Amino acid sequence: MRAVDMVEDAGYTSVEAVDADEAVTILEARSDIALLFTDIQMPGSMDGLRLAHAVHERWPPIKIILVSGALKLEKSDIPPDSRFFGKPLEAKEMIAEIQEMIGHA
């Protein structure tokens, strides 16, 4: 199940970005983003982990979920209050985590 589907199944509206650069552009233009859900391995000028750290620095209230099927991260590798999940993702677990992090839609 795609991350977008999980976000929408949790009752939220999703906004997709093709890479980290587009994600930053979206965040600069909008003030209603509550959660960043990103894969660590992604195209663009930075990977998902660098994106997560950049978002945490510029927009500290935004909650962050990082996922990867290839890498394992420790809590010390990710921004404070962020979550990391290995793939494959369990939809029910992800929906519950999203709701816990930002509240029920």
PDB file of N, CA and C in Angstrom:
ATOM      1  N   MET A   1       0.846  -1.183   0.000  1.00  0.00           N
ATOM      2  CA  MET A   1       0.000   0.000   0.000  1.00  0.00           C
ATOM      3  C   MET A   1       0.888   1.242   0.000  1.00  0.00           C
ATOM      4  N   ARG A   2       0.569   2.170  -0.844  1.00  0.00           N
ATOM      5  CA  ARG A   2       1.362   3.391  -0.936  1.00  0.00           C
ATOM      6  C   ARG A   2       1.137   4.299   0.264  1.00  0.00           C
ATOM      7  N   ALA A   3       2.141   5.092   0.596  1.00  0.00           N
ATOM      8  CA  ALA A   3       2.048   6.019   1.728  1.00  0.00           C
ATOM      9  C   ALA A   3       0.877   6.977   1.564  1.00  0.00           C
ATOM     10  N   VAL A   4       0.637   7.424   0.339  1.00  0.00           N
ATOM     11  CA  VAL A   4      -0.477   8.343   0.085  1.00  0.00           C
ATOM     12  C   VAL A   4      -1.797   7.692   0.483  1.00  0.00           C
ATOM     13  N   ASP A   5      -1.952   6.421   0.122  1.00  0.00           N
ATOM     14  CA  ASP A   5      -3.172   5.704   0.482  1.00  0.00           C
ATOM     15  C   ASP A   5      -3.323   5.606   2.000  1.00  0.00           C
ATOM     16  N   MET A   6      -2.219   5.348   2.696  1.00  0.00           N
ATOM     17  CA  MET A   6      -2.274   5.242   4.152  1.00  0.00           C
ATOM     18  C   MET A   6      -2.682   6.569   4.785  1.00  0.00           C
ATOM     19  N   VAL A   7      -2.111   7.655   4.304  1.00  0.00           N
ATOM     20  CA  VAL A   7      -2.448   8.982   4.825  1.00  0.00           C
ATOM     21  C   VAL A   7      -3.933   9.266   4.586  1.00  0.00           C
ATOM     22  N   GLU A   8      -4.400   8.980   3.398  1.00  0.00           N
ATOM     23  CA  GLU A   8      -5.805   9.248   3.075  1.00  0.00           C
ATOM     24  C   GLU A   8      -6.741   8.295   3.824  1.00  0.00           C
ATOM     25  N   ASP A   9      -6.322   7.038   4.006  1.00  0.00           N
ATOM     26  CA  ASP A   9      -7.130   6.098   4.782  1.00  0.00           C
ATOM     27  C   ASP A   9      -7.207   6.504   6.254  1.00  0.00           C
ATOM     28  N   ALA A  10      -6.216   7.243   6.724  1.00  0.00           N
ATOM     29  CA  ALA A  10      -6.226   7.750   8.104  1.00  0.00           C
ATOM     30  C   ALA A  10      -7.150   8.961   8.232  1.00  0.00           C
ATOM     31  N   GLY A  11      -7.637   9.469   7.083  1.00  0.00           N
ATOM     32  CA  GLY A  11      -8.590  10.572   7.109  1.00  0.00           C
ATOM     33  C   GLY A  11      -8.007  11.929   6.785  1.00  0.00           C
ATOM     34  N   TYR A  12      -6.801  11.946   6.273  1.00  0.00           N
ATOM     35  CA  TYR A  12      -6.132  13.211   5.967  1.00  0.00           C
ATOM     36  C   TYR A  12      -6.006  13.423   4.458  1.00  0.00           C
ATOM     37  N   THR A  13      -5.752  14.646   4.077  1.00  0.00           N
ATOM     38  CA  THR A  13      -5.476  14.981   2.684  1.00  0.00           C
ATOM     39  C   THR A  13      -3.970  14.905   2.483  1.00  0.00           C
ATOM     40  N   SER A  14      -3.546  14.261   1.415  1.00  0.00           N
ATOM     41  CA  SER A  14      -2.116  14.152   1.141  1.00  0.00           C
ATOM     42  C   SER A  14      -1.716  15.114   0.033  1.00  0.00           C
ATOM     43  N   VAL A  15      -0.461  15.513   0.077  1.00  0.00           N
ATOM     44  CA  VAL A  15       0.148  16.336  -0.960  1.00  0.00           C
ATOM     45  C   VAL A  15       1.434  15.615  -1.337  1.00  0.00           C
ATOM     46  N   GLU A  16       1.547  15.222  -2.597  1.00  0.00           N
ATOM     47  CA  GLU A  16       2.712  14.455  -3.040  1.00  0.00           C
ATOM     48  C   GLU A  16       3.792  15.345  -3.629  1.00  0.00           C
ATOM     49  N   ALA A  17       5.038  14.949  -3.385  1.00  0.00           N
ATOM     50  CA  ALA A  17       6.195  15.599  -3.996  1.00  0.00           C
ATOM     51  C   ALA A  17       7.034  14.512  -4.660  1.00  0.00           C
ATOM     52  N   VAL A  18       7.607  14.809  -5.819  1.00  0.00           N
ATOM     53  CA  VAL A  18       8.399  13.805  -6.532  1.00  0.00           C
ATOM     54  C   VAL A  18       9.804  13.655  -5.947  1.00  0.00           C
ATOM     55  N   ASP A  19      10.282  14.703  -5.267  1.00  0.00           N
ATOM     56  CA  ASP A  19      11.606  14.644  -4.659  1.00  0.00           C
ATOM     57  C   ASP A  19      11.685  15.656  -3.506  1.00  0.00           C
ATOM     58  N   ALA A  20      12.819  15.702  -2.845  1.00  0.00           N
ATOM     59  CA  ALA A  20      12.989  16.577  -1.683  1.00  0.00           C
ATOM     60  C   ALA A  20      12.862  18.052  -2.053  1.00  0.00           C
ATOM     61  N   ASP A  21      13.370  18.418  -3.217  1.00  0.00           N
ATOM     62  CA  ASP A  21      13.300  19.819  -3.631  1.00  0.00           C
ATOM     63  C   ASP A  21      11.846  20.276  -3.778  1.00  0.00           C
ATOM     64  N   GLU A  22      11.027  19.436  -4.384  1.00  0.00           N
ATOM     65  CA  GLU A  22       9.618  19.780  -4.528  1.00  0.00           C
ATOM     66  C   GLU A  22       8.929  19.810  -3.158  1.00  0.00           C
ATOM     67  N   ALA A  23       9.318  18.909  -2.275  1.00  0.00           N
ATOM     68  CA  ALA A  23       8.737  18.910  -0.927  1.00  0.00           C
ATOM     69  C   ALA A  23       9.023  20.227  -0.209  1.00  0.00           C
ATOM     70  N   VAL A  24      10.248  20.714  -0.305  1.00  0.00           N
ATOM     71  CA  VAL A  24      10.604  21.989   0.334  1.00  0.00           C
ATOM     72  C   VAL A  24       9.813  23.127  -0.296  1.00  0.00           C
ATOM     73  N   THR A  25       9.671  23.119  -1.611  1.00  0.00           N
ATOM     74  CA  THR A  25       8.898  24.153  -2.292  1.00  0.00           C
ATOM     75  C   THR A  25       7.451  24.161  -1.801  1.00  0.00           C
ATOM     76  N   ILE A  26       6.870  22.985  -1.647  1.00  0.00           N
ATOM     77  CA  ILE A  26       5.495  22.875  -1.147  1.00  0.00           C
ATOM     78  C   ILE A  26       5.419  23.423   0.278  1.00  0.00           C
ATOM     79  N   LEU A  27       6.362  23.035   1.119  1.00  0.00           N
ATOM     80  CA  LEU A  27       6.349  23.503   2.512  1.00  0.00           C
ATOM     81  C   LEU A  27       6.524  25.010   2.604  1.00  0.00           C
ATOM     82  N   GLU A  28       7.304  25.585   1.710  1.00  0.00           N
ATOM     83  CA  GLU A  28       7.487  27.037   1.701  1.00  0.00           C
ATOM     84  C   GLU A  28       6.205  27.760   1.301  1.00  0.00           C
ATOM     85  N   ALA A  29       5.373  27.105   0.512  1.00  0.00           N
ATOM     86  CA  ALA A  29       4.163  27.742  -0.007  1.00  0.00           C
ATOM     87  C   ALA A  29       2.919  27.488   0.854  1.00  0.00           C
ATOM     88  N   ARG A  30       2.992  26.521   1.762  1.00  0.00           N
ATOM     89  CA  ARG A  30       1.803  26.138   2.526  1.00  0.00           C
ATOM     90  C   ARG A  30       2.096  26.187   4.022  1.00  0.00           C
ATOM     91  N   SER A  31       1.060  26.472   4.774  1.00  0.00           N
ATOM     92  CA  SER A  31       1.210  26.492   6.234  1.00  0.00           C
ATOM     93  C   SER A  31       0.345  25.430   6.901  1.00  0.00           C
ATOM     94  N   ASP A  32      -0.268  24.564   6.114  1.00  0.00           N
ATOM     95  CA  ASP A  32      -1.197  23.579   6.658  1.00  0.00           C
ATOM     96  C   ASP A  32      -0.648  22.152   6.648  1.00  0.00           C
ATOM     97  N   ILE A  33       0.654  21.984   6.473  1.00  0.00           N
ATOM     98  CA  ILE A  33       1.252  20.656   6.457  1.00  0.00           C
ATOM     99  C   ILE A  33       1.615  20.273   7.895  1.00  0.00           C
ATOM    100  N   ALA A  34       1.098  19.132   8.351  1.00  0.00           N
ATOM    101  CA  ALA A  34       1.334  18.686   9.722  1.00  0.00           C
ATOM    102  C   ALA A  34       2.310  17.520   9.809  1.00  0.00           C
ATOM    103  N   LEU A  35       2.479  16.782   8.698  1.00  0.00           N
ATOM    104  CA  LEU A  35       3.284  15.567   8.724  1.00  0.00           C
ATOM    105  C   LEU A  35       4.050  15.402   7.419  1.00  0.00           C
ATOM    106  N   LEU A  36       5.324  15.062   7.532  1.00  0.00           N
ATOM    107  CA  LEU A  36       6.143  14.679   6.387  1.00  0.00           C
ATOM    108  C   LEU A  36       6.327  13.166   6.455  1.00  0.00           C
ATOM    109  N   PHE A  37       5.947  12.487   5.391  1.00  0.00           N
ATOM    110  CA  PHE A  37       6.086  11.036   5.285  1.00  0.00           C
ATOM    111  C   PHE A  37       7.025  10.813   4.115  1.00  0.00           C
ATOM    112  N   THR A  38       8.236  10.336   4.365  1.00  0.00           N
ATOM    113  CA  THR A  38       9.210  10.236   3.289  1.00  0.00           C
ATOM    114  C   THR A  38      10.008   8.945   3.325  1.00  0.00           C
ATOM    115  N   ASP A  39      10.309   8.454   2.148  1.00  0.00           N
ATOM    116  CA  ASP A  39      11.246   7.349   2.007  1.00  0.00           C
ATOM    117  C   ASP A  39      12.643   7.946   2.129  1.00  0.00           C
ATOM    118  N   ILE A  40      13.569   7.193   2.656  1.00  0.00           N
ATOM    119  CA  ILE A  40      14.937   7.700   2.777  1.00  0.00           C
ATOM    120  C   ILE A  40      15.611   7.751   1.417  1.00  0.00           C
ATOM    121  N   GLN A  41      15.396   6.724   0.608  1.00  0.00           N
ATOM    122  CA  GLN A  41      16.015   6.699  -0.712  1.00  0.00           C
ATOM    123  C   GLN A  41      15.062   7.342  -1.705  1.00  0.00           C
ATOM    124  N   MET A  42      15.462   8.533  -2.167  1.00  0.00           N
ATOM    125  CA  MET A  42      14.632   9.269  -3.110  1.00  0.00           C
ATOM    126  C   MET A  42      15.509  10.113  -4.019  1.00  0.00           C
ATOM    127  N   PRO A  43      15.000  10.475  -5.189  1.00  0.00           N
ATOM    128  CA  PRO A  43      15.793  11.288  -6.112  1.00  0.00           C
ATOM    129  C   PRO A  43      15.875  12.735  -5.640  1.00  0.00           C
ATOM    130  N   GLY A  44      16.743  13.483  -6.288  1.00  0.00           N
ATOM    131  CA  GLY A  44      16.835  14.906  -5.993  1.00  0.00           C
ATOM    132  C   GLY A  44      18.150  15.267  -5.332  1.00  0.00           C
ATOM    133  N   SER A  45      18.223  16.508  -4.874  1.00  0.00           N
ATOM    134  CA  SER A  45      19.466  17.021  -4.313  1.00  0.00           C
ATOM    135  C   SER A  45      19.756  16.490  -2.913  1.00  0.00           C
ATOM    136  N   MET A  46      18.752  15.906  -2.262  1.00  0.00           N
ATOM    137  CA  MET A  46      18.978  15.321  -0.947  1.00  0.00           C
ATOM    138  C   MET A  46      18.090  14.096  -0.771  1.00  0.00           C
ATOM    139  N   ASP A  47      18.547  13.192   0.069  1.00  0.00           N
ATOM    140  CA  ASP A  47      17.738  12.004   0.348  1.00  0.00           C
ATOM    141  C   ASP A  47      16.708  12.337   1.431  1.00  0.00           C
ATOM    142  N   GLY A  48      15.882  11.365   1.760  1.00  0.00           N
ATOM    143  CA  GLY A  48      14.815  11.592   2.724  1.00  0.00           C
ATOM    144  C   GLY A  48      15.308  11.919   4.119  1.00  0.00           C
ATOM    145  N   LEU A  49      16.443  11.363   4.514  1.00  0.00           N
ATOM    146  CA  LEU A  49      16.987  11.661   5.841  1.00  0.00           C
ATOM    147  C   LEU A  49      17.451  13.109   5.917  1.00  0.00           C
ATOM    148  N   ARG A  50      18.146  13.574   4.901  1.00  0.00           N
ATOM    149  CA  ARG A  50      18.560  14.987   4.874  1.00  0.00           C
ATOM    150  C   ARG A  50      17.336  15.896   4.806  1.00  0.00           C
ATOM    151  N   LEU A  51      16.330  15.499   4.044  1.00  0.00           N
ATOM    152  CA  LEU A  51      15.090  16.263   3.982  1.00  0.00           C
ATOM    153  C   LEU A  51      14.455  16.344   5.365  1.00  0.00           C
ATOM    154  N   ALA A  52      14.392  15.229   6.068  1.00  0.00           N
ATOM    155  CA  ALA A  52      13.788  15.215   7.404  1.00  0.00           C
ATOM    156  C   ALA A  52      14.506  16.179   8.347  1.00  0.00           C
ATOM    157  N   HIS A  53      15.827  16.175   8.321  1.00  0.00           N
ATOM    158  CA  HIS A  53      16.583  17.088   9.182  1.00  0.00           C
ATOM    159  C   HIS A  53      16.348  18.546   8.778  1.00  0.00           C
ATOM    160  N   ALA A  54      16.299  18.817   7.474  1.00  0.00           N
ATOM    161  CA  ALA A  54      16.045  20.180   7.001  1.00  0.00           C
ATOM    162  C   ALA A  54      14.653  20.655   7.413  1.00  0.00           C
ATOM    163  N   VAL A  55      13.663  19.788   7.280  1.00  0.00           N
ATOM    164  CA  VAL A  55      12.296  20.144   7.662  1.00  0.00           C
ATOM    165  C   VAL A  55      12.220  20.384   9.167  1.00  0.00           C
ATOM    166  N   HIS A  56      12.859  19.530   9.946  1.00  0.00           N
ATOM    167  CA  HIS A  56      12.845  19.707  11.402  1.00  0.00           C
ATOM    168  C   HIS A  56      13.464  21.044  11.797  1.00  0.00           C
ATOM    169  N   GLU A  57      14.534  21.441  11.111  1.00  0.00           N
ATOM    170  CA  GLU A  57      15.191  22.721  11.418  1.00  0.00           C
ATOM    171  C   GLU A  57      14.322  23.923  11.048  1.00  0.00           C
ATOM    172  N   ARG A  58      13.695  23.877   9.877  1.00  0.00           N
ATOM    173  CA  ARG A  58      12.912  25.028   9.384  1.00  0.00           C
ATOM    174  C   ARG A  58      11.480  25.055   9.891  1.00  0.00           C
ATOM    175  N   TRP A  59      10.887  23.883  10.074  1.00  0.00           N
ATOM    176  CA  TRP A  59       9.481  23.778  10.481  1.00  0.00           C
ATOM    177  C   TRP A  59       9.361  22.777  11.628  1.00  0.00           C
ATOM    178  N   PRO A  60       9.839  23.137  12.814  1.00  0.00           N
ATOM    179  CA  PRO A  60       9.863  22.179  13.929  1.00  0.00           C
ATOM    180  C   PRO A  60       8.511  21.543  14.291  1.00  0.00           C
ATOM    181  N   PRO A  61       7.382  22.220  14.107  1.00  0.00           N
ATOM    182  CA  PRO A  61       6.115  21.569  14.479  1.00  0.00           C
ATOM    183  C   PRO A  61       5.711  20.400  13.568  1.00  0.00           C
ATOM    184  N   ILE A  62       6.282  20.318  12.373  1.00  0.00           N
ATOM    185  CA  ILE A  62       5.903  19.250  11.438  1.00  0.00           C
ATOM    186  C   ILE A  62       6.447  17.922  11.950  1.00  0.00           C
ATOM    187  N   LYS A  63       5.569  16.953  12.081  1.00  0.00           N
ATOM    188  CA  LYS A  63       5.945  15.601  12.491  1.00  0.00           C
ATOM    189  C   LYS A  63       6.526  14.873  11.278  1.00  0.00           C
ATOM    190  N   ILE A  64       7.410  13.907  11.547  1.00  0.00           N
ATOM    191  CA  ILE A  64       8.130  13.257  10.454  1.00  0.00           C
ATOM    192  C   ILE A  64       8.120  11.743  10.625  1.00  0.00           C
ATOM    193  N   ILE A  65       7.753  11.049   9.544  1.00  0.00           N
ATOM    194  CA  ILE A  65       7.870   9.594   9.461  1.00  0.00           C
ATOM    195  C   ILE A  65       8.810   9.278   8.302  1.00  0.00           C
ATOM    196  N   LEU A  66       9.858   8.518   8.600  1.00  0.00           N
ATOM    197  CA  LEU A  66      10.807   8.065   7.581  1.00  0.00           C
ATOM    198  C   LEU A  66      10.654   6.573   7.405  1.00  0.00           C
ATOM    199  N   VAL A  67      10.768   6.112   6.160  1.00  0.00           N
ATOM    200  CA  VAL A  67      10.674   4.686   5.874  1.00  0.00           C
ATOM    201  C   VAL A  67      11.796   4.269   4.923  1.00  0.00           C
ATOM    202  N   SER A  68      12.177   3.000   5.020  1.00  0.00           N
ATOM    203  CA  SER A  68      13.172   2.464   4.102  1.00  0.00           C
ATOM    204  C   SER A  68      13.060   0.950   4.074  1.00  0.00           C
ATOM    205  N   GLY A  69      13.249   0.406   2.893  1.00  0.00           N
ATOM    206  CA  GLY A  69      13.304  -1.039   2.752  1.00  0.00           C
ATOM    207  C   GLY A  69      14.727  -1.547   2.739  1.00  0.00           C
ATOM    208  N   ALA A  70      15.693  -0.637   2.651  1.00  0.00           N
ATOM    209  CA  ALA A  70      17.085  -1.042   2.522  1.00  0.00           C
ATOM    210  C   ALA A  70      17.945  -0.653   3.722  1.00  0.00           C
ATOM    211  N   LEU A  71      17.572   0.399   4.411  1.00  0.00           N
ATOM    212  CA  LEU A  71      18.398   0.911   5.504  1.00  0.00           C
ATOM    213  C   LEU A  71      17.718   0.705   6.842  1.00  0.00           C
ATOM    214  N   LYS A  72      18.522   0.596   7.867  1.00  0.00           N
ATOM    215  CA  LYS A  72      18.029   0.554   9.249  1.00  0.00           C
ATOM    216  C   LYS A  72      18.606   1.765   9.959  1.00  0.00           C
ATOM    217  N   LEU A  73      17.760   2.547  10.584  1.00  0.00           N
ATOM    218  CA  LEU A  73      18.220   3.731  11.295  1.00  0.00           C
ATOM    219  C   LEU A  73      17.984   3.589  12.788  1.00  0.00           C
ATOM    220  N   GLU A  74      18.856   4.189  13.537  1.00  0.00           N
ATOM    221  CA  GLU A  74      18.694   4.275  14.987  1.00  0.00           C
ATOM    222  C   GLU A  74      17.976   5.573  15.309  1.00  0.00           C
ATOM    223  N   LYS A  75      17.392   5.636  16.483  1.00  0.00           N
ATOM    224  CA  LYS A  75      16.686   6.841  16.911  1.00  0.00           C
ATOM    225  C   LYS A  75      17.604   8.063  16.871  1.00  0.00           C
ATOM    226  N   SER A  76      18.894   7.854  17.157  1.00  0.00           N
ATOM    227  CA  SER A  76      19.849   8.968  17.161  1.00  0.00           C
ATOM    228  C   SER A  76      20.136   9.502  15.757  1.00  0.00           C
ATOM    229  N   ASP A  77      19.776   8.749  14.707  1.00  0.00           N
ATOM    230  CA  ASP A  77      20.014   9.174  13.323  1.00  0.00           C
ATOM    231  C   ASP A  77      18.937  10.121  12.803  1.00  0.00           C
ATOM    232  N   ILE A  78      17.761  10.083  13.410  1.00  0.00           N
ATOM    233  CA  ILE A  78      16.625  10.835  12.883  1.00  0.00           C
ATOM    234  C   ILE A  78      16.333  12.044  13.758  1.00  0.00           C
ATOM    235  N   PRO A  79      15.613  13.039  13.228  1.00  0.00           N
ATOM    236  CA  PRO A  79      15.284  14.219  14.030  1.00  0.00           C
ATOM    237  C   PRO A  79      14.455  13.854  15.265  1.00  0.00           C
ATOM    238  N   PRO A  80      14.552  14.662  16.320  1.00  0.00           N
ATOM    239  CA  PRO A  80      13.755  14.402  17.528  1.00  0.00           C
ATOM    240  C   PRO A  80      12.260  14.308  17.205  1.00  0.00           C
ATOM    241  N   ASP A  81      11.588  13.435  17.916  1.00  0.00           N
ATOM    242  CA  ASP A  81      10.143  13.228  17.781  1.00  0.00           C
ATOM    243  C   ASP A  81       9.731  12.656  16.427  1.00  0.00           C
ATOM    244  N   SER A  82      10.679  12.200  15.631  1.00  0.00           N
ATOM    245  CA  SER A  82      10.373  11.555  14.354  1.00  0.00           C
ATOM    246  C   SER A  82      10.256  10.050  14.576  1.00  0.00           C
ATOM    247  N   ARG A  83       9.739   9.358  13.568  1.00  0.00           N
ATOM    248  CA  ARG A  83       9.602   7.908  13.633  1.00  0.00           C
ATOM    249  C   ARG A  83      10.230   7.290  12.384  1.00  0.00           C
ATOM    250  N   PHE A  84      10.820   6.105  12.569  1.00  0.00           N
ATOM    251  CA  PHE A  84      11.380   5.361  11.442  1.00  0.00           C
ATOM    252  C   PHE A  84      10.728   3.991  11.388  1.00  0.00           C
ATOM    253  N   PHE A  85      10.385   3.549  10.172  1.00  0.00           N
ATOM    254  CA  PHE A  85       9.808   2.237   9.955  1.00  0.00           C
ATOM    255  C   PHE A  85      10.499   1.560   8.779  1.00  0.00           C
ATOM    256  N   GLY A  86      10.790   0.287   8.926  1.00  0.00           N
ATOM    257  CA  GLY A  86      11.304  -0.502   7.825  1.00  0.00           C
ATOM    258  C   GLY A  86      10.152  -1.003   6.971  1.00  0.00           C
ATOM    259  N   LYS A  87      10.453  -1.262   5.715  1.00  0.00           N
ATOM    260  CA  LYS A  87       9.444  -1.815   4.807  1.00  0.00           C
ATOM    261  C   LYS A  87       9.524  -3.321   4.848  1.00  0.00           C
ATOM    262  N   PRO A  88       8.466  -4.020   4.592  1.00  0.00           N
ATOM    263  CA  PRO A  88       7.174  -3.497   4.156  1.00  0.00           C
ATOM    264  C   PRO A  88       6.401  -2.886   5.323  1.00  0.00           C
ATOM    265  N   LEU A  89       5.598  -1.904   4.991  1.00  0.00           N
ATOM    266  CA  LEU A  89       4.803  -1.203   5.992  1.00  0.00           C
ATOM    267  C   LEU A  89       3.471  -1.907   6.205  1.00  0.00           C
ATOM    268  N   GLU A  90       3.029  -1.930   7.420  1.00  0.00           N
ATOM    269  CA  GLU A  90       1.708  -2.454   7.752  1.00  0.00           C
ATOM    270  C   GLU A  90       0.749  -1.273   7.790  1.00  0.00           C
ATOM    271  N   ALA A  91      -0.263  -1.293   6.946  1.00  0.00           N
ATOM    272  CA  ALA A  91      -1.175  -0.158   6.806  1.00  0.00           C
ATOM    273  C   ALA A  91      -1.822   0.223   8.130  1.00  0.00           C
ATOM    274  N   LYS A  92      -2.342  -0.750   8.868  1.00  0.00           N
ATOM    275  CA  LYS A  92      -3.015  -0.431  10.130  1.00  0.00           C
ATOM    276  C   LYS A  92      -2.064   0.211  11.122  1.00  0.00           C
ATOM    277  N   GLU A  93      -0.837  -0.289  11.186  1.00  0.00           N
ATOM    278  CA  GLU A  93       0.173   0.269  12.090  1.00  0.00           C
ATOM    279  C   GLU A  93       0.510   1.708  11.694  1.00  0.00           C
ATOM    280  N   MET A  94       0.669   1.947  10.388  1.00  0.00           N
ATOM    281  CA  MET A  94       1.018   3.295   9.928  1.00  0.00           C
ATOM    282  C   MET A  94      -0.127   4.268  10.180  1.00  0.00           C
ATOM    283  N   ILE A  95      -1.349   3.854   9.909  1.00  0.00           N
ATOM    284  CA  ILE A  95      -2.506   4.722  10.141  1.00  0.00           C
ATOM    285  C   ILE A  95      -2.591   5.082  11.617  1.00  0.00           C
ATOM    286  N   ALA A  96      -2.405   4.091  12.500  1.00  0.00           N
ATOM    287  CA  ALA A  96      -2.435   4.354  13.940  1.00  0.00           C
ATOM    288  C   ALA A  96      -1.318   5.305  14.345  1.00  0.00           C
ATOM    289  N   GLU A  97      -0.136   5.157  13.764  1.00  0.00           N
ATOM    290  CA  GLU A  97       0.993   6.027  14.088  1.00  0.00           C
ATOM    291  C   GLU A  97       0.733   7.462  13.636  1.00  0.00           C
ATOM    292  N   ILE A  98       0.206   7.620  12.438  1.00  0.00           N
ATOM    293  CA  ILE A  98      -0.128   8.954  11.924  1.00  0.00           C
ATOM    294  C   ILE A  98      -1.134   9.623  12.853  1.00  0.00           C
ATOM    295  N   GLN A  99      -2.168   8.892  13.218  1.00  0.00           N
ATOM    296  CA  GLN A  99      -3.191   9.459  14.095  1.00  0.00           C
ATOM    297  C   GLN A  99      -2.650   9.804  15.462  1.00  0.00           C
ATOM    298  N   GLU A 100      -1.730   8.991  15.968  1.00  0.00           N
ATOM    299  CA  GLU A 100      -1.106   9.282  17.264  1.00  0.00           C
ATOM    300  C   GLU A 100      -0.246  10.540  17.180  1.00  0.00           C
ATOM    301  N   MET A 101       0.473  10.692  16.076  1.00  0.00           N
ATOM    302  CA  MET A 101       1.402  11.817  15.932  1.00  0.00           C
ATOM    303  C   MET A 101       0.678  13.143  15.744  1.00  0.00           C
ATOM    304  N   ILE A 102      -0.389  13.150  14.921  1.00  0.00           N
ATOM    305  CA  ILE A 102      -1.038  14.446  14.612  1.00  0.00           C
ATOM    306  C   ILE A 102      -2.503  14.503  14.977  1.00  0.00           C
ATOM    307  N   GLY A 103      -3.006  13.469  15.632  1.00  0.00           N
ATOM    308  CA  GLY A 103      -4.415  13.492  16.038  1.00  0.00           C
ATOM    309  C   GLY A 103      -5.300  12.875  14.990  1.00  0.00           C
ATOM    310  N   HIS A 104      -6.518  12.596  15.395  1.00  0.00           N
ATOM    311  CA  HIS A 104      -7.495  12.012  14.468  1.00  0.00           C
ATOM    312  C   HIS A 104      -8.049  13.088  13.542  1.00  0.00           C
ATOM    313  N   ALA A 105      -8.262  12.696  12.300  1.00  0.00           N
ATOM    314  CA  ALA A 105      -8.794  13.649  11.309  1.00  0.00           C
ATOM    315  C   ALA A 105     -10.219  13.996  11.622  1.00  0.00           C
TER     316      ALA A 105
END
